Amino acid sequence: MSVKTKQIGCGPRYANPPPKDKLTEEASAVFLTEALSEINEGATFLDQLSLNEINSVRRIASKLTFDTNETVFLQGDHHKGIYLIESGRVRTYYAGPSGREITLAYWTPGHFIGGPEVFGGGFHVWSANAMEPSRLSYLPGNSVRQLAVSVPSFAICLIEGLVAKGKCYSALVQMLGTRSAAERLAQLLLILASVDGKSVGGRMAVNSRVTHEQLASIVGATRQWVTSMLSKFQSQGLIRIEDRTIVIVNANGLN
């Protein structure tokens, strides 16, 4: 039997890890990037804390639960603190003046949301909502500052978490600025198949819960365009669509 050790905002830790398919919390973050190896950086940013230090954070944190599609914070809201994701999946997104949205990332257990004003102050420049029932630990900005001062290792963890966030959004800007929408969609399929996919007939496939609308929101396109482009990818022998599941047939061709 696996034995849990300590947990806060970083998913379950195990003394004897069970097989990967048993770890329902071991989902990866998802965002547009060229480097798949860095896709989940920052998920373990609190792992270097000792048990006593984890308990210091736990005493300050407020436990919150969110239902599917429930808002965590909105673009334009005052920054008040950060949220450590314990379970579930949270989407961050930006809405333009026209109301059109672009998904910045899907965050999973171990990551935090609510930056960059981690000490509070200013206004949120994007929004966040739960994509499924989620548990979060909320740390007020003044408490984050106090922890950074009194627990040096927490300050280091916070910096490393911010570094991971900076690399995420830098990768997103690079993809949006240097890749066509078709290339972004192809790369996104590879990312989804790699970090959250399944095997179908020995080939990797994108999880069927991902909708065309969600794909469109990440790559900066319309749902109709995504549907049309997926059909084109299929006619080119790059993917195969089976019961709404996208199977990767030629990964090199998508690259």
C-alpha atoms as a PDB file:
ATOM      1  CA  MET A   1       0.000   0.000   0.000  1.00  0.00           C
ATOM      2  CA  SER A   2       1.267   3.468  -0.818  1.00  0.00           C
ATOM      3  CA  VAL A   3       1.814   5.855   2.071  1.00  0.00           C
ATOM      4  CA  LYS A   4       1.152   9.565   1.661  1.00  0.00           C
ATOM      5  CA  THR A   5       3.679  11.891   3.236  1.00  0.00           C
ATOM      6  CA  LYS A   6       2.992  15.623   2.888  1.00  0.00           C
ATOM      7  CA  GLN A   7       0.790  17.665   0.609  1.00  0.00           C
ATOM      8  CA  ILE A   8      -0.097  21.284  -0.035  1.00  0.00           C
ATOM      9  CA  GLY A   9      -0.555  22.714  -3.474  1.00  0.00           C
ATOM     10  CA  CYS A  10       1.683  20.082  -4.998  1.00  0.00           C
ATOM     11  CA  GLY A  11      -0.519  17.013  -5.294  1.00  0.00           C
ATOM     12  CA  PRO A  12      -0.008  13.800  -3.291  1.00  0.00           C
ATOM     13  CA  ARG A  13       3.495  12.664  -2.400  1.00  0.00           C
ATOM     14  CA  TYR A  14       4.146   8.981  -1.905  1.00  0.00           C
ATOM     15  CA  ALA A  15       6.809   7.081  -0.032  1.00  0.00           C
ATOM     16  CA  ASN A  16       6.400   4.206  -2.504  1.00  0.00           C
ATOM     17  CA  PRO A  17       4.948   5.597  -5.746  1.00  0.00           C
ATOM     18  CA  PRO A  18       2.198   3.444  -7.276  1.00  0.00           C
ATOM     19  CA  PRO A  19       2.021   2.922 -11.031  1.00  0.00           C
ATOM     20  CA  LYS A  20       1.436   6.134 -12.966  1.00  0.00           C
ATOM     21  CA  ASP A  21      -2.062   5.137 -14.045  1.00  0.00           C
ATOM     22  CA  LYS A  22      -3.066   5.007 -10.373  1.00  0.00           C
ATOM     23  CA  LEU A  23      -2.082   8.618  -9.742  1.00  0.00           C
ATOM     24  CA  THR A  24      -5.159  10.559 -10.723  1.00  0.00           C
ATOM     25  CA  GLU A  25      -3.512  13.783  -9.504  1.00  0.00           C
ATOM     26  CA  GLU A  26      -0.465  13.386 -11.760  1.00  0.00           C
ATOM     27  CA  ALA A  27      -1.899  15.446 -14.602  1.00  0.00           C
ATOM     28  CA  SER A  28       0.373  17.894 -16.371  1.00  0.00           C
ATOM     29  CA  ALA A  29      -0.162  21.557 -17.074  1.00  0.00           C
ATOM     30  CA  VAL A  30      -0.885  22.381 -20.721  1.00  0.00           C
ATOM     31  CA  PHE A  31       0.117  25.465 -22.689  1.00  0.00           C
ATOM     32  CA  LEU A  32       1.675  26.238 -26.060  1.00  0.00           C
ATOM     33  CA  THR A  33       5.419  25.643 -26.052  1.00  0.00           C
ATOM     34  CA  GLU A  34       8.177  24.320 -28.270  1.00  0.00           C
ATOM     35  CA  ALA A  35       9.827  22.411 -25.398  1.00  0.00           C
ATOM     36  CA  LEU A  36       7.666  19.567 -24.131  1.00  0.00           C
ATOM     37  CA  SER A  37      10.281  18.745 -21.492  1.00  0.00           C
ATOM     38  CA  GLU A  38       9.478  22.015 -19.698  1.00  0.00           C
ATOM     39  CA  ILE A  39       5.697  21.754 -19.898  1.00  0.00           C
ATOM     40  CA  ASN A  40       5.172  20.900 -16.211  1.00  0.00           C
ATOM     41  CA  GLU A  41       7.986  22.918 -14.669  1.00  0.00           C
ATOM     42  CA  GLY A  42       6.868  24.525 -11.458  1.00  0.00           C
ATOM     43  CA  ALA A  43       4.517  21.727 -10.410  1.00  0.00           C
ATOM     44  CA  THR A  44       6.857  20.741  -7.588  1.00  0.00           C
ATOM     45  CA  PHE A  45       7.982  24.222  -6.603  1.00  0.00           C
ATOM     46  CA  LEU A  46       7.195  23.550  -2.902  1.00  0.00           C
ATOM     47  CA  ASP A  47       8.803  20.115  -2.787  1.00  0.00           C
ATOM     48  CA  GLN A  48      12.036  21.364  -1.254  1.00  0.00           C
ATOM     49  CA  LEU A  49      10.246  22.579   1.882  1.00  0.00           C
ATOM     50  CA  SER A  50      10.590  20.563   5.063  1.00  0.00           C
ATOM     51  CA  LEU A  51       7.533  19.112   6.779  1.00  0.00           C
ATOM     52  CA  ASN A  52       7.656  21.902   9.401  1.00  0.00           C
ATOM     53  CA  GLU A  53       7.821  24.514   6.637  1.00  0.00           C
ATOM     54  CA  ILE A  54       4.926  22.868   4.803  1.00  0.00           C
ATOM     55  CA  ASN A  55       2.944  23.002   8.050  1.00  0.00           C
ATOM     56  CA  SER A  56       3.734  26.719   8.349  1.00  0.00           C
ATOM     57  CA  VAL A  57       2.180  27.246   4.934  1.00  0.00           C
ATOM     58  CA  ARG A  58      -0.756  24.970   5.734  1.00  0.00           C
ATOM     59  CA  ARG A  59      -1.628  26.899   8.900  1.00  0.00           C
ATOM     60  CA  ILE A  60      -1.961  30.126   6.917  1.00  0.00           C
ATOM     61  CA  ALA A  61      -3.756  28.716   3.859  1.00  0.00           C
ATOM     62  CA  SER A  62      -7.527  28.693   3.510  1.00  0.00           C
ATOM     63  CA  LYS A  63      -9.042  25.654   1.811  1.00  0.00           C
ATOM     64  CA  LEU A  64     -11.421  26.480  -1.028  1.00  0.00           C
ATOM     65  CA  THR A  65     -13.458  24.285  -3.358  1.00  0.00           C
ATOM     66  CA  PHE A  66     -14.713  25.197  -6.816  1.00  0.00           C
ATOM     67  CA  ASP A  67     -17.281  23.480  -8.993  1.00  0.00           C
ATOM     68  CA  THR A  68     -16.867  22.954 -12.736  1.00  0.00           C
ATOM     69  CA  ASN A  69     -16.824  26.306 -14.588  1.00  0.00           C
ATOM     70  CA  GLU A  70     -16.811  28.274 -11.323  1.00  0.00           C
ATOM     71  CA  THR A  71     -14.728  31.463 -11.394  1.00  0.00           C
ATOM     72  CA  VAL A  72     -11.621  31.668  -9.207  1.00  0.00           C
ATOM     73  CA  PHE A  73     -10.845  35.287 -10.096  1.00  0.00           C
ATOM     74  CA  LEU A  74     -11.657  37.662 -12.939  1.00  0.00           C
ATOM     75  CA  GLN A  75      -9.580  39.917 -15.124  1.00  0.00           C
ATOM     76  CA  GLY A  76      -9.711  43.367 -13.511  1.00  0.00           C
ATOM     77  CA  ASP A  77     -10.235  42.052  -9.967  1.00  0.00           C
ATOM     78  CA  HIS A  78      -7.874  43.299  -7.265  1.00  0.00           C
ATOM     79  CA  HIS A  79      -4.908  41.001  -6.619  1.00  0.00           C
ATOM     80  CA  LYS A  80      -5.288  39.655  -3.091  1.00  0.00           C
ATOM     81  CA  GLY A  81      -3.073  36.574  -3.016  1.00  0.00           C
ATOM     82  CA  ILE A  82      -2.237  33.287  -4.694  1.00  0.00           C
ATOM     83  CA  TYR A  83      -3.983  29.929  -4.996  1.00  0.00           C
ATOM     84  CA  LEU A  84      -2.148  26.603  -4.707  1.00  0.00           C
ATOM     85  CA  ILE A  85      -3.871  23.866  -6.702  1.00  0.00           C
ATOM     86  CA  GLU A  86      -4.434  20.744  -4.602  1.00  0.00           C
ATOM     87  CA  SER A  87      -6.667  18.841  -7.016  1.00  0.00           C
ATOM     88  CA  GLY A  88      -8.564  19.437 -10.218  1.00  0.00           C
ATOM     89  CA  ARG A  89      -7.708  21.630 -13.194  1.00  0.00           C
ATOM     90  CA  VAL A  90      -7.826  25.417 -13.575  1.00  0.00           C
ATOM     91  CA  ARG A  91      -7.847  27.401 -16.806  1.00  0.00           C
ATOM     92  CA  THR A  92      -6.313  30.868 -17.060  1.00  0.00           C
ATOM     93  CA  TYR A  93      -7.454  33.020 -19.960  1.00  0.00           C
ATOM     94  CA  TYR A  94      -7.422  36.559 -21.314  1.00  0.00           C
ATOM     95  CA  ALA A  95     -10.475  38.308 -22.757  1.00  0.00           C
ATOM     96  CA  GLY A  96      -9.952  41.072 -25.316  1.00  0.00           C
ATOM     97  CA  PRO A  97     -12.125  44.200 -25.649  1.00  0.00           C
ATOM     98  CA  SER A  98     -14.299  42.337 -28.178  1.00  0.00           C
ATOM     99  CA  GLY A  99     -14.936  39.589 -25.646  1.00  0.00           C
ATOM    100  CA  ARG A 100     -12.903  37.032 -27.569  1.00  0.00           C
ATOM    101  CA  GLU A 101     -10.920  34.792 -25.233  1.00  0.00           C
ATOM    102  CA  ILE A 102      -7.562  33.075 -25.544  1.00  0.00           C
ATOM    103  CA  THR A 103      -6.581  30.305 -23.154  1.00  0.00           C
ATOM    104  CA  LEU A 104      -3.185  30.940 -21.596  1.00  0.00           C
ATOM    105  CA  ALA A 105      -2.790  27.604 -19.815  1.00  0.00           C
ATOM    106  CA  TYR A 106      -4.464  24.740 -18.015  1.00  0.00           C
ATOM    107  CA  TRP A 107      -2.928  24.372 -14.538  1.00  0.00           C
ATOM    108  CA  THR A 108      -2.943  21.175 -12.509  1.00  0.00           C
ATOM    109  CA  PRO A 109      -2.026  20.078  -8.957  1.00  0.00           C
ATOM    110  CA  GLY A 110       1.287  21.466  -7.742  1.00  0.00           C
ATOM    111  CA  HIS A 111       1.047  24.764  -9.617  1.00  0.00           C
ATOM    112  CA  PHE A 112      -0.124  28.067  -8.240  1.00  0.00           C
ATOM    113  CA  ILE A 113      -2.235  30.735  -9.916  1.00  0.00           C
ATOM    114  CA  GLY A 114      -2.772  34.385  -9.062  1.00  0.00           C
ATOM    115  CA  GLY A 115       0.526  35.937 -10.166  1.00  0.00           C
ATOM    116  CA  PRO A 116       2.361  37.998 -10.981  1.00  0.00           C
ATOM    117  CA  GLU A 117       1.327  40.158  -7.988  1.00  0.00           C
ATOM    118  CA  VAL A 118       2.014  37.379  -5.476  1.00  0.00           C
ATOM    119  CA  PHE A 119       2.136  39.849  -2.565  1.00  0.00           C
ATOM    120  CA  GLY A 120      -1.185  41.418  -3.508  1.00  0.00           C
ATOM    121  CA  GLY A 121      -1.935  44.805  -5.023  1.00  0.00           C
ATOM    122  CA  GLY A 122      -2.716  45.821  -8.567  1.00  0.00           C
ATOM    123  CA  PHE A 123      -5.295  44.098 -10.740  1.00  0.00           C
ATOM    124  CA  HIS A 124      -5.533  40.681 -12.350  1.00  0.00           C
ATOM    125  CA  VAL A 125      -4.623  40.893 -16.033  1.00  0.00           C
ATOM    126  CA  TRP A 126      -6.346  37.594 -16.834  1.00  0.00           C
ATOM    127  CA  SER A 127      -9.067  35.353 -15.394  1.00  0.00           C
ATOM    128  CA  ALA A 128      -9.164  31.844 -13.950  1.00  0.00           C
ATOM    129  CA  ASN A 129     -11.925  29.269 -13.690  1.00  0.00           C
ATOM    130  CA  ALA A 130     -12.131  25.646 -12.608  1.00  0.00           C
ATOM    131  CA  MET A 131     -12.467  23.175 -15.469  1.00  0.00           C
ATOM    132  CA  GLU A 132     -13.593  20.417 -13.101  1.00  0.00           C
ATOM    133  CA  PRO A 133     -14.275  20.154  -9.348  1.00  0.00           C
ATOM    134  CA  SER A 134     -11.101  21.553  -7.797  1.00  0.00           C
ATOM    135  CA  ARG A 135      -9.582  22.111  -4.361  1.00  0.00           C
ATOM    136  CA  LEU A 136      -7.311  25.134  -3.890  1.00  0.00           C
ATOM    137  CA  SER A 137      -5.365  26.554  -0.954  1.00  0.00           C
ATOM    138  CA  TYR A 138      -5.575  30.336  -0.796  1.00  0.00           C
ATOM    139  CA  LEU A 139      -2.652  32.371   0.607  1.00  0.00           C
ATOM    140  CA  PRO A 140      -3.336  36.098   1.133  1.00  0.00           C
ATOM    141  CA  GLY A 141      -0.667  38.381  -0.316  1.00  0.00           C
ATOM    142  CA  ASN A 142       0.480  39.714   3.066  1.00  0.00           C
ATOM    143  CA  SER A 143       0.893  36.135   4.324  1.00  0.00           C
ATOM    144  CA  VAL A 144       2.927  35.241   1.227  1.00  0.00           C
ATOM    145  CA  ARG A 145       5.198  38.198   2.005  1.00  0.00           C
ATOM    146  CA  GLN A 146       5.563  37.160   5.659  1.00  0.00           C
ATOM    147  CA  LEU A 147       6.412  33.600   4.648  1.00  0.00           C
ATOM    148  CA  ALA A 148       8.980  34.861   2.140  1.00  0.00           C
ATOM    149  CA  VAL A 149      10.655  36.866   4.917  1.00  0.00           C
ATOM    150  CA  SER A 150      10.461  34.271   7.704  1.00  0.00           C
ATOM    151  CA  VAL A 151      10.984  31.069   5.689  1.00  0.00           C
ATOM    152  CA  PRO A 152      13.879  31.636   3.232  1.00  0.00           C
ATOM    153  CA  SER A 153      13.312  28.310   1.497  1.00  0.00           C
ATOM    154  CA  PHE A 154       9.724  29.376   0.775  1.00  0.00           C
ATOM    155  CA  ALA A 155      11.065  32.553  -0.853  1.00  0.00           C
ATOM    156  CA  ILE A 156      13.310  30.411  -3.074  1.00  0.00           C
ATOM    157  CA  CYS A 157      10.356  28.174  -3.946  1.00  0.00           C
ATOM    158  CA  LEU A 158       8.277  31.214  -4.820  1.00  0.00           C
ATOM    159  CA  ILE A 159      10.996  32.587  -7.095  1.00  0.00           C
ATOM    160  CA  GLU A 160      11.348  29.235  -8.836  1.00  0.00           C
ATOM    161  CA  GLY A 161       7.574  29.073  -9.301  1.00  0.00           C
ATOM    162  CA  LEU A 162       7.588  32.551 -10.841  1.00  0.00           C
ATOM    163  CA  VAL A 163      10.483  31.555 -13.105  1.00  0.00           C
ATOM    164  CA  ALA A 164       8.405  28.609 -14.381  1.00  0.00           C
ATOM    165  CA  LYS A 165       5.446  30.937 -14.975  1.00  0.00           C
ATOM    166  CA  GLY A 166       7.662  33.409 -16.836  1.00  0.00           C
ATOM    167  CA  LYS A 167       8.982  30.650 -19.101  1.00  0.00           C
ATOM    168  CA  CYS A 168       5.420  29.459 -19.743  1.00  0.00           C
ATOM    169  CA  TYR A 169       4.143  32.828 -20.903  1.00  0.00           C
ATOM    170  CA  SER A 170       7.329  33.562 -22.821  1.00  0.00           C
ATOM    171  CA  ALA A 171       6.885  30.263 -24.700  1.00  0.00           C
ATOM    172  CA  LEU A 172       3.263  31.171 -25.431  1.00  0.00           C
ATOM    173  CA  VAL A 173       4.211  34.579 -26.857  1.00  0.00           C
ATOM    174  CA  GLN A 174       6.948  32.998 -28.998  1.00  0.00           C
ATOM    175  CA  MET A 175       4.517  30.434 -30.404  1.00  0.00           C
ATOM    176  CA  LEU A 176       1.873  33.051 -31.163  1.00  0.00           C
ATOM    177  CA  GLY A 177       4.425  35.311 -32.810  1.00  0.00           C
ATOM    178  CA  THR A 178       6.439  32.816 -34.869  1.00  0.00           C
ATOM    179  CA  ARG A 179       4.101  29.922 -35.721  1.00  0.00           C
ATOM    180  CA  SER A 180       1.059  29.896 -37.984  1.00  0.00           C
ATOM    181  CA  ALA A 181      -2.272  28.845 -36.507  1.00  0.00           C
ATOM    182  CA  ALA A 182      -1.968  25.477 -38.292  1.00  0.00           C
ATOM    183  CA  GLU A 183       1.502  24.926 -36.817  1.00  0.00           C
ATOM    184  CA  ARG A 184       0.249  25.891 -33.365  1.00  0.00           C
ATOM    185  CA  LEU A 185      -2.610  23.397 -33.646  1.00  0.00           C
ATOM    186  CA  ALA A 186      -0.234  20.634 -34.769  1.00  0.00           C
ATOM    187  CA  GLN A 187       2.094  21.348 -31.839  1.00  0.00           C
ATOM    188  CA  LEU A 188      -0.827  21.454 -29.410  1.00  0.00           C
ATOM    189  CA  LEU A 189      -1.987  18.003 -30.534  1.00  0.00           C
ATOM    190  CA  LEU A 190       1.501  16.635 -29.860  1.00  0.00           C
ATOM    191  CA  ILE A 191       1.532  18.310 -26.428  1.00  0.00           C
ATOM    192  CA  LEU A 192      -1.891  16.965 -25.465  1.00  0.00           C
ATOM    193  CA  ALA A 193      -1.077  13.456 -26.669  1.00  0.00           C
ATOM    194  CA  SER A 194       2.205  13.549 -24.762  1.00  0.00           C
ATOM    195  CA  VAL A 195       1.056  14.890 -21.399  1.00  0.00           C
ATOM    196  CA  ASP A 196      -2.606  13.907 -21.134  1.00  0.00           C
ATOM    197  CA  GLY A 197      -3.211  11.367 -23.857  1.00  0.00           C
ATOM    198  CA  LYS A 198      -3.866   7.661 -24.073  1.00  0.00           C
ATOM    199  CA  SER A 199      -2.826   4.775 -26.300  1.00  0.00           C
ATOM    200  CA  VAL A 200      -5.136   3.670 -29.108  1.00  0.00           C
ATOM    201  CA  GLY A 201      -3.900   0.695 -31.088  1.00  0.00           C
ATOM    202  CA  GLY A 202      -0.328   1.413 -30.040  1.00  0.00           C
ATOM    203  CA  ARG A 203      -0.528   5.086 -31.079  1.00  0.00           C
ATOM    204  CA  MET A 204      -0.844   8.111 -28.834  1.00  0.00           C
ATOM    205  CA  ALA A 205      -4.172   9.908 -28.873  1.00  0.00           C
ATOM    206  CA  VAL A 206      -5.528  13.163 -27.515  1.00  0.00           C
ATOM    207  CA  ASN A 207      -7.865  12.755 -24.550  1.00  0.00           C
ATOM    208  CA  SER A 208     -11.414  12.786 -25.927  1.00  0.00           C
ATOM    209  CA  ARG A 209     -12.579  15.281 -23.281  1.00  0.00           C
ATOM    210  CA  VAL A 210     -10.754  18.063 -25.190  1.00  0.00           C
ATOM    211  CA  THR A 211     -13.251  19.878 -27.410  1.00  0.00           C
ATOM    212  CA  HIS A 212     -12.642  21.691 -30.699  1.00  0.00           C
ATOM    213  CA  GLU A 213     -13.678  24.900 -28.968  1.00  0.00           C
ATOM    214  CA  GLN A 214     -10.991  24.407 -26.311  1.00  0.00           C
ATOM    215  CA  LEU A 215      -8.372  23.707 -28.976  1.00  0.00           C
ATOM    216  CA  ALA A 216      -9.417  26.879 -30.778  1.00  0.00           C
ATOM    217  CA  SER A 217      -9.153  28.976 -27.628  1.00  0.00           C
ATOM    218  CA  ILE A 218      -5.576  27.829 -27.039  1.00  0.00           C
ATOM    219  CA  VAL A 219      -4.273  28.321 -30.591  1.00  0.00           C
ATOM    220  CA  GLY A 220      -6.138  31.588 -31.189  1.00  0.00           C
ATOM    221  CA  ALA A 221      -8.612  30.431 -33.834  1.00  0.00           C
ATOM    222  CA  THR A 222     -12.305  29.602 -34.234  1.00  0.00           C
ATOM    223  CA  ARG A 223     -13.952  26.272 -33.536  1.00  0.00           C
ATOM    224  CA  GLN A 224     -14.999  26.002 -37.192  1.00  0.00           C
ATOM    225  CA  TRP A 225     -11.414  26.565 -38.346  1.00  0.00           C
ATOM    226  CA  VAL A 226     -10.113  23.884 -35.957  1.00  0.00           C
ATOM    227  CA  THR A 227     -12.694  21.369 -37.217  1.00  0.00           C
ATOM    228  CA  SER A 228     -11.711  22.126 -40.813  1.00  0.00           C
ATOM    229  CA  MET A 229      -7.975  21.890 -40.078  1.00  0.00           C
ATOM    230  CA  LEU A 230      -8.354  18.584 -38.236  1.00  0.00           C
ATOM    231  CA  SER A 231     -10.118  17.200 -41.316  1.00  0.00           C
ATOM    232  CA  LYS A 232      -7.209  18.425 -43.416  1.00  0.00           C
ATOM    233  CA  PHE A 233      -4.669  16.801 -41.063  1.00  0.00           C
ATOM    234  CA  GLN A 234      -6.638  13.566 -41.368  1.00  0.00           C
ATOM    235  CA  SER A 235      -6.681  13.709 -45.185  1.00  0.00           C
ATOM    236  CA  GLN A 236      -2.902  14.227 -45.082  1.00  0.00           C
ATOM    237  CA  GLY A 237      -2.489  11.057 -43.005  1.00  0.00           C
ATOM    238  CA  LEU A 238      -1.206  12.949 -39.942  1.00  0.00           C
ATOM    239  CA  ILE A 239      -4.051  12.033 -37.597  1.00  0.00           C
ATOM    240  CA  ARG A 240      -7.036   9.710 -37.482  1.00  0.00           C
ATOM    241  CA  ILE A 241     -10.319  10.679 -35.840  1.00  0.00           C
ATOM    242  CA  GLU A 242     -12.134   7.800 -34.167  1.00  0.00           C
ATOM    243  CA  ASP A 243     -15.270   8.394 -32.088  1.00  0.00           C
ATOM    244  CA  ARG A 244     -14.208  12.001 -31.428  1.00  0.00           C
ATOM    245  CA  THR A 245     -10.750  10.798 -30.348  1.00  0.00           C
ATOM    246  CA  ILE A 246      -7.783  12.261 -32.246  1.00  0.00           C
ATOM    247  CA  VAL A 247      -5.146   9.578 -32.857  1.00  0.00           C
ATOM    248  CA  ILE A 248      -1.646  10.719 -33.821  1.00  0.00           C
ATOM    249  CA  VAL A 249      -0.638   8.734 -36.928  1.00  0.00           C
ATOM    250  CA  ASN A 250       2.411  10.707 -38.071  1.00  0.00           C
ATOM    251  CA  ALA A 251       4.010  12.730 -35.266  1.00  0.00           C
ATOM    252  CA  ASN A 252       6.970  13.732 -37.428  1.00  0.00           C
ATOM    253  CA  GLY A 253       4.601  15.175 -39.997  1.00  0.00           C
ATOM    254  CA  LEU A 254       2.961  17.320 -37.336  1.00  0.00           C
ATOM    255  CA  ASN A 255       6.309  18.656 -36.173  1.00  0.00           C
END
